[in-house]
Every structure is written in structure tokens, then in C-alpha cells.
Amino acid sequence: MLGLVLCAPLLAQVPAPAAPVSRSRTQVVLLGTGTPNDDPNRWGPAVAVIVDDQVYLVDAGVGVVRRAAAARAAGVSALKVTSLSRVFLTHLHSDHTLGLPDLMFSPWVLERPVPLDVYGPKGTADMTAHLEAAWKEDIAVRLFGLEPQHTRNYRAVVHEITPGRVYQDGKVTVDAIAVTHGSWPEAFAYRFQTPDRRIVISGDTTPSDAVAAACDGCDVLIHEVYSAERFKTRPPEWQTYHKAFHTSTIELAGIARKARPGTLVLYHQLFWGATDEDLLREIRAAGYGGRVVSGKDLDVY
């Protein structure tokens, strides 16, 4: 298991001095940076935006609850299991949602005091209803057996969203940005404005000027990416697929030049044999001179 690292951005391949993460009210934790590829060091895609003691999750990949526990054990105290009560889904691909039943049921068993609020595209309500039906025997045994469980806080309170402001409380506003992810009818990026930082998370997307505009000098832009060099080695049918669904290092360099983030964080990386350093080199070669890091599970920004 990887340890949590308090990360500053990387300038090329040389680490910059440690950023004062602990002084900010806002932390961003990469709970998982993986793809459907079975990399044991990269769990399913999930990001936690934390403002003071409040947790806002983006996506629910495999292992999301235990990844939160690992981050908490390494010092991110806000990531208590009972605090995992909001999630914003970028889209409904399985790698981004396989942890959703875990997020519904595990914190409930461990006495989460409220249901799970789920924000996502059309189809989210059907998905959560089917998950609840799939675990109906578990629910019945826990509610009516010997277990001292008397709430129904496994429930998903679903908010099917459209682009624009989708959430606001005293600590954060959240805006959904429509993006293109191949043949999915709806997919979203998210912009979080907190008291001291602005964070944009791309989700899965082809190059999007809307994401660049949503960032517009944001503190942190977390963006998916694939290796443009290793893309050339992929079979033609997979090249067609990836081009329609994802963003290459070369394309991301162009987006980042428009977006001007304080830190560009690569996640959900498709390496195909490349390394983190290779991705950074490709982005530099494509003309992006800002701060950039290739994220790993449990990194904190």
C-alpha cells in the first residue's frame, strides 16, 4: 500500500519545495487514480475535496471507503467513514462507480448518521435503485436481525443534475461542466470553489475548452490523460476509442496553457508502458511550462 505524501507540484521532473498544505482550509486527496487496468498500486478513480471537516467526493471507484481509511490513518483526519456522505459522479462508467455500493452500505453499517447524497447524470437514480435491490437481503438481516442497526441510511438520495450550479453550502459551491466522453450521453467535470481555493476535476473527457474556462487560473486542475507516444503502439480500434473518449498529453498541454492552473495534476493515467516521468516529459515537449505532477494514490494537494 502506498503511503500518503504531502505533495508540492513537480517542475519538470524536479520536486519543488513542499507546499504549505497544512495552512489551507482546503485539501485535495487522490483516493484512487486508476483505470480499468488492474494496477495494484492504483485503485479506482476517486478524489476527496476536504474543507475544514467536510468531505466532498468525486467518483466512487473500487476501494473508495478503504482508500479514505488509508488517508485518514496517514493524517487526513477529516476522512472518517461516517463523514463519507456526499459524492459527485462524473459519469456512470463502471470504473468510476464500482465503489458506489461500498459507499452506500459500508458507512451505514459503521453508523453514518445520514443517507448518501449522490449527484450525477441521468441514469444515476436507476443505478442506485438497482444497487439497493441487489442488497435487499443484507438490508433486511441488518435491520431485523440481531445487529443493532435501526436506520435506513444506506439509502442514496439522488440528484440527477444538469450543467451549472449543483450544490452549495457554507463552505463550498460546486458547478458541473458538460464534457464529451465518447458515446456517453452525459458526462461532467466539476469545479469546487472553497473559501481559499478553486479546484477543477475533469473526470473522463476529450479535450475541453469548457474545462479550461472553468479553471481560468484555478489553484488545482486534476485532469485525466494518456501517453501520446504509447498511443501509437495501440491497435487501430483502440486508437479510435481512446481518441473519442480521452485526452492525450499533447492535447492536455494545450488545455493547460489556456487554463493556467497553479498546479496541474495528472490522474486516471493511461500509461501503456510509459512512466510518470514520460508523461511529464511529453507535456513539457508539447509546450506547457507550468507546474505539473503525475498524481499517485493518496497524494494530497
Protein backbone atom coordinates (compact mmCIF):
# COMPACT_ATOMS: atom_id res chain seq x y z
CA MET A 1 0.00 0.00 0.00
CA LEU A 2 1.34 3.45 -0.86
CA GLY A 3 1.87 5.91 1.92
CA LEU A 4 0.28 9.33 1.84
CA VAL A 5 2.56 12.10 0.60
CA LEU A 6 2.07 15.83 1.14
CA CYS A 7 2.85 16.86 -2.38
CA ALA A 8 4.03 20.01 -3.96
CA PRO A 9 3.82 20.22 -7.75
CA LEU A 10 6.72 18.97 -9.82
CA LEU A 11 8.54 21.32 -12.11
CA ALA A 12 9.60 19.00 -14.93
CA GLN A 13 10.96 16.01 -13.01
CA VAL A 14 12.47 18.05 -10.13
CA PRO A 15 10.42 18.27 -6.91
CA ALA A 16 9.53 21.81 -5.87
CA PRO A 17 9.72 22.86 -2.21
CA ALA A 18 6.89 21.47 -0.10
CA ALA A 19 3.69 23.47 -0.43
CA PRO A 20 2.05 24.68 2.79
CA VAL A 21 -0.86 22.25 2.50
CA SER A 22 -1.47 22.23 6.26
CA ARG A 23 -2.11 26.01 6.28
CA SER A 24 -5.01 25.79 3.84
CA ARG A 25 -8.59 25.15 4.88
CA THR A 26 -8.88 23.04 1.73
CA GLN A 27 -7.17 19.75 0.93
CA VAL A 28 -7.48 17.62 -2.18
CA VAL A 29 -6.76 13.90 -1.74
CA LEU A 30 -6.36 11.47 -4.63
CA LEU A 31 -8.02 8.41 -3.11
CA GLY A 32 -7.64 6.50 -6.38
CA THR A 33 -6.03 7.32 -9.72
CA GLY A 34 -6.63 4.08 -11.58
CA THR A 35 -8.33 2.95 -14.76
CA PRO A 36 -9.90 -0.42 -15.60
CA ASN A 37 -6.32 -1.74 -15.90
CA ASP A 38 -5.50 -3.99 -12.94
CA ASP A 39 -2.67 -1.96 -11.43
CA PRO A 40 -2.49 -2.96 -7.74
CA ASN A 41 -0.99 0.41 -6.79
CA ARG A 42 -3.76 2.48 -8.39
CA TRP A 43 -7.26 1.90 -7.06
CA GLY A 44 -10.46 3.07 -8.72
CA PRO A 45 -10.82 6.77 -9.53
CA ALA A 46 -11.96 8.86 -6.59
CA VAL A 47 -10.98 12.30 -5.32
CA ALA A 48 -11.81 13.88 -1.96
CA VAL A 49 -12.12 17.64 -1.65
CA ILE A 50 -11.99 18.50 2.07
CA VAL A 51 -12.89 21.89 3.51
CA ASP A 52 -12.26 22.05 7.25
CA ASP A 53 -14.06 18.89 8.44
CA GLN A 54 -16.42 18.48 5.47
CA VAL A 55 -15.78 15.85 2.77
CA TYR A 56 -16.92 16.06 -0.84
CA LEU A 57 -16.13 13.03 -3.02
CA VAL A 58 -15.83 12.97 -6.79
CA ASP A 59 -16.44 9.48 -8.21
CA ALA A 60 -16.54 6.18 -6.38
CA GLY A 61 -14.04 3.77 -7.86
CA VAL A 62 -13.10 0.41 -6.39
CA GLY A 63 -11.89 0.64 -2.79
CA VAL A 64 -13.10 4.18 -2.11
CA VAL A 65 -14.03 3.56 1.54
CA ARG A 66 -10.76 1.81 2.40
CA ARG A 67 -8.73 4.36 0.49
CA ALA A 68 -10.35 7.02 2.67
CA ALA A 69 -9.40 4.98 5.74
CA ALA A 70 -5.80 4.74 4.49
CA ALA A 71 -5.65 8.51 4.02
CA ARG A 72 -7.10 9.05 7.48
CA ALA A 73 -4.52 6.69 9.01
CA ALA A 74 -1.81 8.74 7.31
CA GLY A 75 -3.04 12.01 8.78
CA VAL A 76 -6.10 13.31 6.90
CA SER A 77 -8.31 13.27 9.96
CA ALA A 78 -11.48 14.53 8.24
CA LEU A 79 -11.83 11.31 6.23
CA LYS A 80 -13.83 9.45 8.87
CA VAL A 81 -16.07 6.75 7.45
CA THR A 82 -19.14 8.45 8.92
CA SER A 83 -18.23 11.63 7.00
CA LEU A 84 -18.49 9.95 3.59
CA SER A 85 -21.95 11.28 2.84
CA ARG A 86 -21.69 13.17 -0.50
CA VAL A 87 -20.44 12.05 -3.88
CA PHE A 88 -20.44 13.76 -7.27
CA LEU A 89 -20.29 11.29 -10.17
CA THR A 90 -18.62 12.42 -13.37
CA HIS A 91 -20.33 9.68 -15.41
CA LEU A 92 -21.54 6.12 -14.99
CA HIS A 93 -18.65 4.05 -16.39
CA SER A 94 -18.08 1.03 -14.14
CA ASP A 95 -14.56 2.00 -13.07
CA HIS A 96 -15.96 5.26 -11.65
CA THR A 97 -18.93 3.63 -9.89
CA LEU A 98 -17.90 0.14 -8.73
CA GLY A 99 -17.31 1.61 -5.28
CA LEU A 100 -20.79 3.12 -5.09
CA PRO A 101 -22.40 0.18 -3.24
CA ASP A 102 -19.43 0.25 -0.85
CA LEU A 103 -20.09 3.94 -0.29
CA MET A 104 -23.79 3.32 0.27
CA PHE A 105 -23.57 0.35 2.61
CA SER A 106 -20.23 0.24 4.46
CA PRO A 107 -20.51 3.66 6.16
CA TRP A 108 -24.14 2.81 7.03
CA VAL A 109 -23.03 -0.37 8.81
CA LEU A 110 -20.45 1.77 10.63
CA GLU A 111 -23.18 4.18 11.78
CA ARG A 112 -23.13 7.02 9.28
CA PRO A 113 -25.83 9.36 10.66
CA VAL A 114 -27.31 10.38 7.29
CA PRO A 115 -28.06 8.78 3.90
CA LEU A 116 -25.65 9.21 0.98
CA ASP A 117 -26.28 12.20 -1.28
CA VAL A 118 -25.40 11.25 -4.86
CA TYR A 119 -25.11 13.85 -7.62
CA GLY A 120 -24.75 12.57 -11.16
CA PRO A 121 -26.08 12.31 -14.71
CA LYS A 122 -29.32 10.76 -15.88
CA GLY A 123 -29.30 7.08 -15.01
CA THR A 124 -27.91 7.62 -11.51
CA ALA A 125 -31.30 7.07 -9.87
CA ASP A 126 -31.80 3.78 -11.73
CA MET A 127 -28.31 2.62 -10.77
CA THR A 128 -28.76 3.29 -7.07
CA ALA A 129 -32.24 1.75 -7.03
CA HIS A 130 -30.86 -1.44 -8.56
CA LEU A 131 -27.98 -1.48 -6.04
CA GLU A 132 -30.43 -1.18 -3.17
CA ALA A 133 -32.50 -4.02 -4.64
CA ALA A 134 -29.40 -6.18 -5.10
CA TRP A 135 -28.57 -5.88 -1.40
CA LYS A 136 -32.13 -6.25 -0.11
CA GLU A 137 -31.33 -9.44 1.84
CA ASP A 138 -28.38 -7.75 3.53
CA ILE A 139 -30.56 -4.77 4.42
CA ALA A 140 -33.27 -7.00 5.88
CA VAL A 141 -30.87 -9.02 8.03
CA ARG A 142 -29.15 -5.92 9.37
CA LEU A 143 -32.42 -4.14 10.12
CA PHE A 144 -34.42 -7.05 11.51
CA GLY A 145 -31.76 -9.46 12.75
CA LEU A 146 -29.57 -9.20 15.83
CA GLU A 147 -27.45 -6.32 14.56
CA PRO A 148 -28.26 -3.10 16.45
CA GLN A 149 -28.93 -1.18 13.24
CA HIS A 150 -32.15 0.76 13.11
CA THR A 151 -31.59 3.45 10.48
CA ARG A 152 -32.02 3.32 6.73
CA ASN A 153 -29.00 5.45 5.99
CA TYR A 154 -27.83 3.06 3.28
CA ARG A 155 -30.23 4.96 1.06
CA ALA A 156 -28.93 7.04 -1.83
CA VAL A 157 -30.65 10.39 -2.10
CA VAL A 158 -30.12 11.03 -5.81
CA HIS A 159 -29.85 14.39 -7.52
CA GLU A 160 -29.73 13.99 -11.31
CA ILE A 161 -28.02 17.14 -12.47
CA THR A 162 -27.61 19.43 -15.46
CA PRO A 163 -24.68 21.77 -16.14
CA GLY A 164 -24.40 24.72 -13.78
CA ARG A 165 -24.55 25.14 -10.00
CA VAL A 166 -25.43 21.77 -8.49
CA TYR A 167 -24.51 22.21 -4.82
CA GLN A 168 -23.84 24.93 -2.28
CA ASP A 169 -23.34 25.07 1.45
CA GLY A 170 -21.48 27.33 3.86
CA LYS A 171 -18.08 26.01 2.79
CA VAL A 172 -18.25 25.26 -0.93
CA THR A 173 -20.03 25.81 -4.20
CA VAL A 174 -19.95 23.06 -6.83
CA ASP A 175 -20.55 23.61 -10.53
CA ALA A 176 -20.96 20.86 -13.13
CA ILE A 177 -19.39 21.37 -16.55
CA ALA A 178 -20.63 19.31 -19.50
CA VAL A 179 -17.81 17.40 -21.23
CA THR A 180 -17.57 14.89 -24.05
CA HIS A 181 -16.70 11.32 -23.15
CA GLY A 182 -17.20 9.28 -26.29
CA SER A 183 -20.66 7.81 -26.64
CA TRP A 184 -21.83 8.67 -23.13
CA PRO A 185 -24.87 10.97 -23.45
CA GLU A 186 -23.84 12.87 -20.32
CA ALA A 187 -20.53 13.36 -18.55
CA PHE A 188 -19.36 16.13 -16.24
CA ALA A 189 -16.30 17.87 -14.90
CA TYR A 190 -16.67 19.66 -11.55
CA ARG A 191 -15.45 23.00 -10.22
CA PHE A 192 -15.21 23.46 -6.44
CA GLN A 193 -14.92 26.96 -5.01
CA THR A 194 -13.94 26.91 -1.34
CA PRO A 195 -13.07 29.84 0.95
CA ASP A 196 -9.42 29.71 -0.11
CA ARG A 197 -9.04 27.61 -3.26
CA ARG A 198 -10.61 26.79 -6.62
CA ILE A 199 -10.30 23.19 -7.81
CA VAL A 200 -11.38 21.67 -11.12
CA ILE A 201 -11.64 17.91 -11.68
CA SER A 202 -12.04 16.84 -15.29
CA GLY A 203 -13.48 13.37 -14.94
CA ASP A 204 -13.12 11.44 -18.20
CA THR A 205 -13.19 13.72 -21.21
CA THR A 206 -11.78 14.59 -24.58
CA PRO A 207 -10.01 17.99 -24.73
CA SER A 208 -12.48 20.60 -23.49
CA ASP A 209 -12.27 24.38 -23.68
CA ALA A 210 -15.07 24.40 -21.10
CA VAL A 211 -12.75 22.74 -18.57
CA ALA A 212 -10.04 25.31 -19.32
CA ALA A 213 -12.57 28.13 -18.86
CA ALA A 214 -13.83 26.63 -15.60
CA CYS A 215 -10.26 26.60 -14.28
CA ASP A 216 -9.15 30.02 -15.59
CA GLY A 217 -6.20 30.27 -13.21
CA CYS A 218 -7.59 27.82 -10.63
CA ASP A 219 -5.37 26.56 -7.84
CA VAL A 220 -5.52 22.89 -8.85
CA LEU A 221 -6.61 21.28 -12.13
CA ILE A 222 -6.88 17.49 -11.86
CA HIS A 223 -7.09 16.05 -15.36
CA GLU A 224 -7.15 12.63 -16.97
CA VAL A 225 -4.51 11.83 -19.59
CA TYR A 226 -2.97 9.21 -21.84
CA SER A 227 0.54 8.92 -23.26
CA ALA A 228 0.62 10.33 -26.79
CA GLU A 229 3.78 8.37 -27.56
CA ARG A 230 2.48 5.00 -26.36
CA PHE A 231 -0.87 5.67 -28.08
CA LYS A 232 0.95 4.99 -31.38
CA THR A 233 1.53 1.38 -30.28
CA ARG A 234 -2.15 0.69 -29.65
CA PRO A 235 -4.27 -1.34 -32.13
CA PRO A 236 -6.26 0.83 -34.56
CA GLU A 237 -9.63 0.05 -32.96
CA TRP A 238 -8.31 1.12 -29.55
CA GLN A 239 -6.80 4.28 -31.01
CA THR A 240 -10.26 5.18 -32.33
CA TYR A 241 -11.77 4.52 -28.93
CA HIS A 242 -9.23 6.45 -26.87
CA LYS A 243 -9.26 9.43 -29.22
CA ALA A 244 -13.03 9.70 -28.78
CA PHE A 245 -13.06 9.24 -25.01
CA HIS A 246 -9.84 10.65 -23.53
CA THR A 247 -7.16 13.38 -23.65
CA SER A 248 -3.55 12.88 -24.76
CA THR A 249 -0.53 14.50 -23.17
CA ILE A 250 -0.18 16.76 -26.21
CA GLU A 251 -3.83 17.81 -26.04
CA LEU A 252 -3.64 18.35 -22.29
CA ALA A 253 -0.66 20.66 -22.70
CA GLY A 254 -2.85 22.86 -24.89
CA ILE A 255 -5.71 22.82 -22.40
CA ALA A 256 -3.35 23.66 -19.54
CA ARG A 257 -1.91 26.64 -21.41
CA LYS A 258 -5.44 28.04 -21.65
CA ALA A 259 -6.44 27.03 -18.12
CA ARG A 260 -3.30 28.37 -16.36
CA PRO A 261 -3.68 26.29 -13.17
CA GLY A 262 -1.42 26.83 -10.20
CA THR A 263 -0.81 23.09 -10.27
CA LEU A 264 -1.76 20.61 -12.99
CA VAL A 265 -2.27 17.13 -11.54
CA LEU A 266 -2.45 14.15 -13.88
CA TYR A 267 -4.75 11.31 -12.79
CA HIS A 268 -6.60 8.38 -14.33
CA GLN A 269 -3.43 7.97 -16.40
CA LEU A 270 -3.26 5.52 -19.29
CA PHE A 271 0.43 4.63 -19.40
CA TRP A 272 0.62 1.57 -21.70
CA GLY A 273 4.22 1.06 -20.59
CA ALA A 274 5.13 4.74 -20.12
CA THR A 275 6.17 6.10 -16.73
CA ASP A 276 5.10 9.14 -14.72
CA GLU A 277 8.28 10.85 -15.90
CA ASP A 278 7.43 10.03 -19.52
CA LEU A 279 4.04 11.74 -19.19
CA LEU A 280 5.64 14.84 -17.70
CA ARG A 281 8.25 14.91 -20.45
CA GLU A 282 5.57 14.61 -23.15
CA ILE A 283 3.60 17.50 -21.68
CA ARG A 284 6.75 19.65 -21.45
CA ALA A 285 7.69 18.79 -25.03
CA ALA A 286 4.22 19.90 -26.13
CA GLY A 287 4.91 23.38 -24.79
CA TYR A 288 3.42 23.51 -21.30
CA GLY A 289 5.73 25.27 -18.86
CA GLY A 290 3.60 25.39 -15.72
CA ARG A 291 3.81 23.29 -12.60
CA VAL A 292 2.72 19.69 -13.21
CA VAL A 293 2.79 16.43 -11.28
CA SER A 294 1.69 12.91 -12.18
CA GLY A 295 -0.53 12.00 -9.25
CA LYS A 296 -0.44 8.78 -7.24
CA ASP A 297 -2.97 7.26 -4.88
CA LEU A 298 -3.15 9.07 -1.53
CA ASP A 299 -1.28 12.16 -2.71
CA VAL A 300 -2.50 15.35 -1.02
CA TYR A 301 -2.52 18.82 -2.56
